[in-house]
Amino acid sequence: MKSKFKYDGKSRPTNKTYTKRWFEIFGKKEEEELKESFEQSKRNKIERQDLIDSIIDVEKKSGKDLVSLIIDRKRKENNDKKK
């Protein structure tokens, strides 16, 4: 009598049905996640550019660089806390 094949838990039958079902289960989900991740990265890039543009506008209006503005603001906050 032949002994039954002992499944090792690792190997999988590689036929067309298996491949098709695998892509139905995992393939589309992975594509959707990648697409959503790409869209989110584009939104983040736009937000960063908007932030940079607003910082540049503030610097132009005040005539100071951003670091000086932050230092001035912190000094003002510290003076307000002391009073």
N, C-alpha and C. Protein backbone atom coordinates (compact mmCIF):
# COMPACT_ATOMS: atom_id res chain seq x y z
N MET A 1 0.84 -1.18 0.00
CA MET A 1 0.00 0.00 0.00
C MET A 1 0.89 1.25 0.00
N LYS A 2 0.52 2.20 -0.82
CA LYS A 2 1.28 3.45 -0.89
C LYS A 2 0.95 4.32 0.30
N SER A 3 1.98 5.01 0.79
CA SER A 3 1.70 5.93 1.87
C SER A 3 1.20 7.26 1.30
N LYS A 4 0.33 7.90 2.02
CA LYS A 4 -0.23 9.17 1.58
C LYS A 4 0.84 10.25 1.66
N PHE A 5 0.82 11.17 0.69
CA PHE A 5 1.78 12.27 0.67
C PHE A 5 1.60 13.11 1.93
N LYS A 6 2.67 13.36 2.61
CA LYS A 6 2.60 14.19 3.81
C LYS A 6 2.84 15.64 3.40
N TYR A 7 1.83 16.44 3.63
CA TYR A 7 1.89 17.86 3.26
C TYR A 7 2.82 18.59 4.21
N ASP A 8 3.78 19.33 3.66
CA ASP A 8 4.76 20.00 4.50
C ASP A 8 4.31 21.39 4.95
N GLY A 9 3.17 21.87 4.46
CA GLY A 9 2.66 23.17 4.88
C GLY A 9 3.30 24.33 4.17
N LYS A 10 4.24 24.07 3.29
CA LYS A 10 4.93 25.15 2.58
C LYS A 10 4.65 25.13 1.09
N SER A 11 4.77 23.99 0.50
CA SER A 11 4.60 23.92 -0.95
C SER A 11 3.12 24.05 -1.32
N ARG A 12 2.89 24.61 -2.47
CA ARG A 12 1.53 24.79 -2.96
C ARG A 12 1.46 24.24 -4.38
N PRO A 13 0.33 23.72 -4.76
CA PRO A 13 0.20 23.30 -6.15
C PRO A 13 0.16 24.55 -7.05
N THR A 14 0.93 24.56 -8.07
CA THR A 14 0.98 25.73 -8.95
C THR A 14 0.28 25.38 -10.25
N ASN A 15 -1.00 25.62 -10.27
CA ASN A 15 -1.76 25.44 -11.50
C ASN A 15 -2.52 26.74 -11.78
N LYS A 16 -3.22 26.78 -12.89
CA LYS A 16 -3.90 28.01 -13.29
C LYS A 16 -4.99 28.41 -12.30
N THR A 17 -5.69 27.46 -11.78
CA THR A 17 -6.77 27.76 -10.82
C THR A 17 -6.20 28.40 -9.56
N TYR A 18 -5.11 27.84 -9.06
CA TYR A 18 -4.49 28.41 -7.85
C TYR A 18 -4.04 29.84 -8.10
N THR A 19 -3.37 30.05 -9.22
CA THR A 19 -2.88 31.39 -9.55
C THR A 19 -4.03 32.38 -9.69
N LYS A 20 -5.07 31.97 -10.38
CA LYS A 20 -6.24 32.84 -10.57
C LYS A 20 -6.88 33.20 -9.23
N ARG A 21 -7.08 32.22 -8.38
CA ARG A 21 -7.71 32.48 -7.08
C ARG A 21 -6.82 33.36 -6.19
N TRP A 22 -5.50 33.15 -6.28
CA TRP A 22 -4.58 33.96 -5.47
C TRP A 22 -4.71 35.42 -5.85
N PHE A 23 -4.74 35.71 -7.13
CA PHE A 23 -4.87 37.10 -7.57
C PHE A 23 -6.24 37.67 -7.22
N GLU A 24 -7.27 36.85 -7.23
CA GLU A 24 -8.59 37.32 -6.82
C GLU A 24 -8.58 37.73 -5.35
N ILE A 25 -7.88 36.98 -4.54
CA ILE A 25 -7.86 37.25 -3.10
C ILE A 25 -6.88 38.36 -2.75
N PHE A 26 -5.65 38.25 -3.22
CA PHE A 26 -4.59 39.16 -2.78
C PHE A 26 -4.22 40.23 -3.80
N GLY A 27 -4.32 39.93 -5.06
CA GLY A 27 -3.83 40.83 -6.10
C GLY A 27 -4.52 42.17 -6.12
N LYS A 28 -5.83 42.20 -6.15
CA LYS A 28 -6.56 43.46 -6.24
C LYS A 28 -6.39 44.28 -4.98
N LYS A 29 -6.40 43.63 -3.84
CA LYS A 29 -6.24 44.36 -2.59
C LYS A 29 -4.90 45.08 -2.57
N GLU A 30 -3.86 44.39 -3.02
CA GLU A 30 -2.54 44.98 -3.04
C GLU A 30 -2.50 46.17 -4.00
N GLU A 31 -3.14 46.03 -5.16
CA GLU A 31 -3.19 47.13 -6.12
C GLU A 31 -3.93 48.32 -5.55
N GLU A 32 -5.05 48.07 -4.87
CA GLU A 32 -5.83 49.16 -4.28
C GLU A 32 -5.04 49.86 -3.19
N GLU A 33 -4.32 49.10 -2.37
CA GLU A 33 -3.51 49.71 -1.32
C GLU A 33 -2.39 50.56 -1.91
N LEU A 34 -1.76 50.06 -2.96
CA LEU A 34 -0.70 50.83 -3.61
C LEU A 34 -1.26 52.11 -4.23
N LYS A 35 -2.43 52.00 -4.85
CA LYS A 35 -3.04 53.18 -5.46
C LYS A 35 -3.39 54.21 -4.39
N GLU A 36 -3.99 53.77 -3.29
CA GLU A 36 -4.35 54.68 -2.20
C GLU A 36 -3.10 55.31 -1.59
N SER A 37 -2.06 54.53 -1.42
CA SER A 37 -0.80 55.06 -0.88
C SER A 37 -0.22 56.12 -1.81
N PHE A 38 -0.28 55.88 -3.10
CA PHE A 38 0.22 56.85 -4.07
C PHE A 38 -0.59 58.14 -4.02
N GLU A 39 -1.92 58.01 -3.95
CA GLU A 39 -2.78 59.20 -3.87
C GLU A 39 -2.49 59.99 -2.59
N GLN A 40 -2.28 59.28 -1.47
CA GLN A 40 -1.98 59.95 -0.21
C GLN A 40 -0.65 60.68 -0.29
N SER A 41 0.34 60.08 -0.94
CA SER A 41 1.64 60.74 -1.07
C SER A 41 1.52 61.99 -1.92
N LYS A 42 0.66 61.97 -2.94
CA LYS A 42 0.45 63.18 -3.75
C LYS A 42 -0.22 64.28 -2.91
N ARG A 43 -1.20 63.89 -2.07
CA ARG A 43 -1.85 64.89 -1.20
C ARG A 43 -0.86 65.47 -0.20
N ASN A 44 0.01 64.61 0.35
CA ASN A 44 1.02 65.09 1.31
C ASN A 44 1.99 66.06 0.64
N LYS A 45 2.36 65.76 -0.59
CA LYS A 45 3.27 66.64 -1.32
C LYS A 45 2.64 68.02 -1.52
N ILE A 46 1.36 68.05 -1.87
CA ILE A 46 0.65 69.31 -2.06
C ILE A 46 0.59 70.09 -0.75
N GLU A 47 0.29 69.39 0.35
CA GLU A 47 0.24 70.05 1.66
C GLU A 47 1.59 70.63 2.06
N ARG A 48 2.66 69.87 1.83
CA ARG A 48 4.00 70.37 2.14
C ARG A 48 4.32 71.60 1.31
N GLN A 49 3.96 71.57 0.04
CA GLN A 49 4.23 72.72 -0.82
C GLN A 49 3.43 73.93 -0.37
N ASP A 50 2.18 73.71 0.04
CA ASP A 50 1.36 74.82 0.56
C ASP A 50 1.99 75.41 1.82
N LEU A 51 2.51 74.56 2.69
CA LEU A 51 3.16 75.03 3.91
C LEU A 51 4.40 75.84 3.58
N ILE A 52 5.19 75.34 2.65
CA ILE A 52 6.40 76.05 2.24
C ILE A 52 6.03 77.40 1.64
N ASP A 53 5.01 77.44 0.79
CA ASP A 53 4.57 78.70 0.19
C ASP A 53 4.12 79.70 1.24
N SER A 54 3.38 79.21 2.26
CA SER A 54 2.91 80.12 3.31
C SER A 54 4.08 80.65 4.14
N ILE A 55 5.08 79.82 4.38
CA ILE A 55 6.26 80.27 5.13
C ILE A 55 7.00 81.33 4.34
N ILE A 56 7.14 81.11 3.05
CA ILE A 56 7.82 82.09 2.20
C ILE A 56 7.06 83.42 2.19
N ASP A 57 5.72 83.35 2.15
CA ASP A 57 4.90 84.57 2.19
C ASP A 57 5.12 85.34 3.48
N VAL A 58 5.15 84.62 4.61
CA VAL A 58 5.36 85.27 5.91
C VAL A 58 6.73 85.93 5.95
N GLU A 59 7.73 85.24 5.43
CA GLU A 59 9.08 85.79 5.42
C GLU A 59 9.15 87.05 4.57
N LYS A 60 8.49 87.04 3.43
CA LYS A 60 8.50 88.21 2.55
C LYS A 60 7.81 89.40 3.20
N LYS A 61 6.67 89.14 3.86
CA LYS A 61 5.90 90.22 4.47
C LYS A 61 6.64 90.83 5.65
N SER A 62 7.31 90.01 6.43
CA SER A 62 7.95 90.51 7.64
C SER A 62 9.37 91.00 7.39
N GLY A 63 9.98 90.55 6.33
CA GLY A 63 11.35 90.93 6.05
C GLY A 63 12.37 90.15 6.87
N LYS A 64 11.91 89.16 7.64
CA LYS A 64 12.80 88.33 8.45
C LYS A 64 12.73 86.90 7.97
N ASP A 65 13.74 86.13 8.32
CA ASP A 65 13.68 84.72 7.99
C ASP A 65 12.85 83.98 9.05
N LEU A 66 12.51 82.76 8.75
CA LEU A 66 11.62 81.98 9.61
C LEU A 66 12.21 81.75 10.99
N VAL A 67 13.49 81.49 11.07
CA VAL A 67 14.13 81.24 12.36
C VAL A 67 14.01 82.46 13.27
N SER A 68 14.22 83.64 12.72
CA SER A 68 14.10 84.87 13.51
C SER A 68 12.67 85.06 13.99
N LEU A 69 11.71 84.76 13.13
CA LEU A 69 10.31 84.89 13.52
C LEU A 69 9.96 83.95 14.67
N ILE A 70 10.45 82.73 14.61
CA ILE A 70 10.17 81.76 15.67
C ILE A 70 10.82 82.19 16.97
N ILE A 71 12.06 82.66 16.91
CA ILE A 71 12.76 83.13 18.11
C ILE A 71 12.02 84.31 18.73
N ASP A 72 11.60 85.25 17.91
CA ASP A 72 10.84 86.40 18.41
C ASP A 72 9.54 85.96 19.08
N ARG A 73 8.85 85.02 18.47
CA ARG A 73 7.59 84.54 19.03
C ARG A 73 7.82 83.85 20.37
N LYS A 74 8.88 83.03 20.48
CA LYS A 74 9.18 82.35 21.75
C LYS A 74 9.56 83.35 22.82
N ARG A 75 10.33 84.36 22.47
CA ARG A 75 10.68 85.39 23.44
C ARG A 75 9.44 86.11 23.95
N LYS A 76 8.54 86.41 23.04
CA LYS A 76 7.30 87.08 23.43
C LYS A 76 6.48 86.18 24.37
N GLU A 77 6.40 84.89 24.06
CA GLU A 77 5.65 83.97 24.92
C GLU A 77 6.28 83.89 26.30
N ASN A 78 7.60 83.84 26.36
CA ASN A 78 8.28 83.78 27.65
C ASN A 78 8.07 85.05 28.46
N ASN A 79 8.08 86.20 27.81
CA ASN A 79 7.83 87.47 28.49
C ASN A 79 6.41 87.53 29.02
N ASP A 80 5.45 87.00 28.25
CA ASP A 80 4.06 86.98 28.69
C ASP A 80 3.86 86.07 29.89
N LYS A 81 4.60 84.97 29.95
CA LYS A 81 4.50 84.04 31.08
C LYS A 81 5.06 84.67 32.35
N LYS A 82 6.11 85.48 32.21
CA LYS A 82 6.74 86.12 33.37
C LYS A 82 5.84 87.18 33.98
N LYS A 83 5.00 87.81 33.17
CA LYS A 83 4.14 88.90 33.67
C LYS A 83 2.96 88.38 34.38
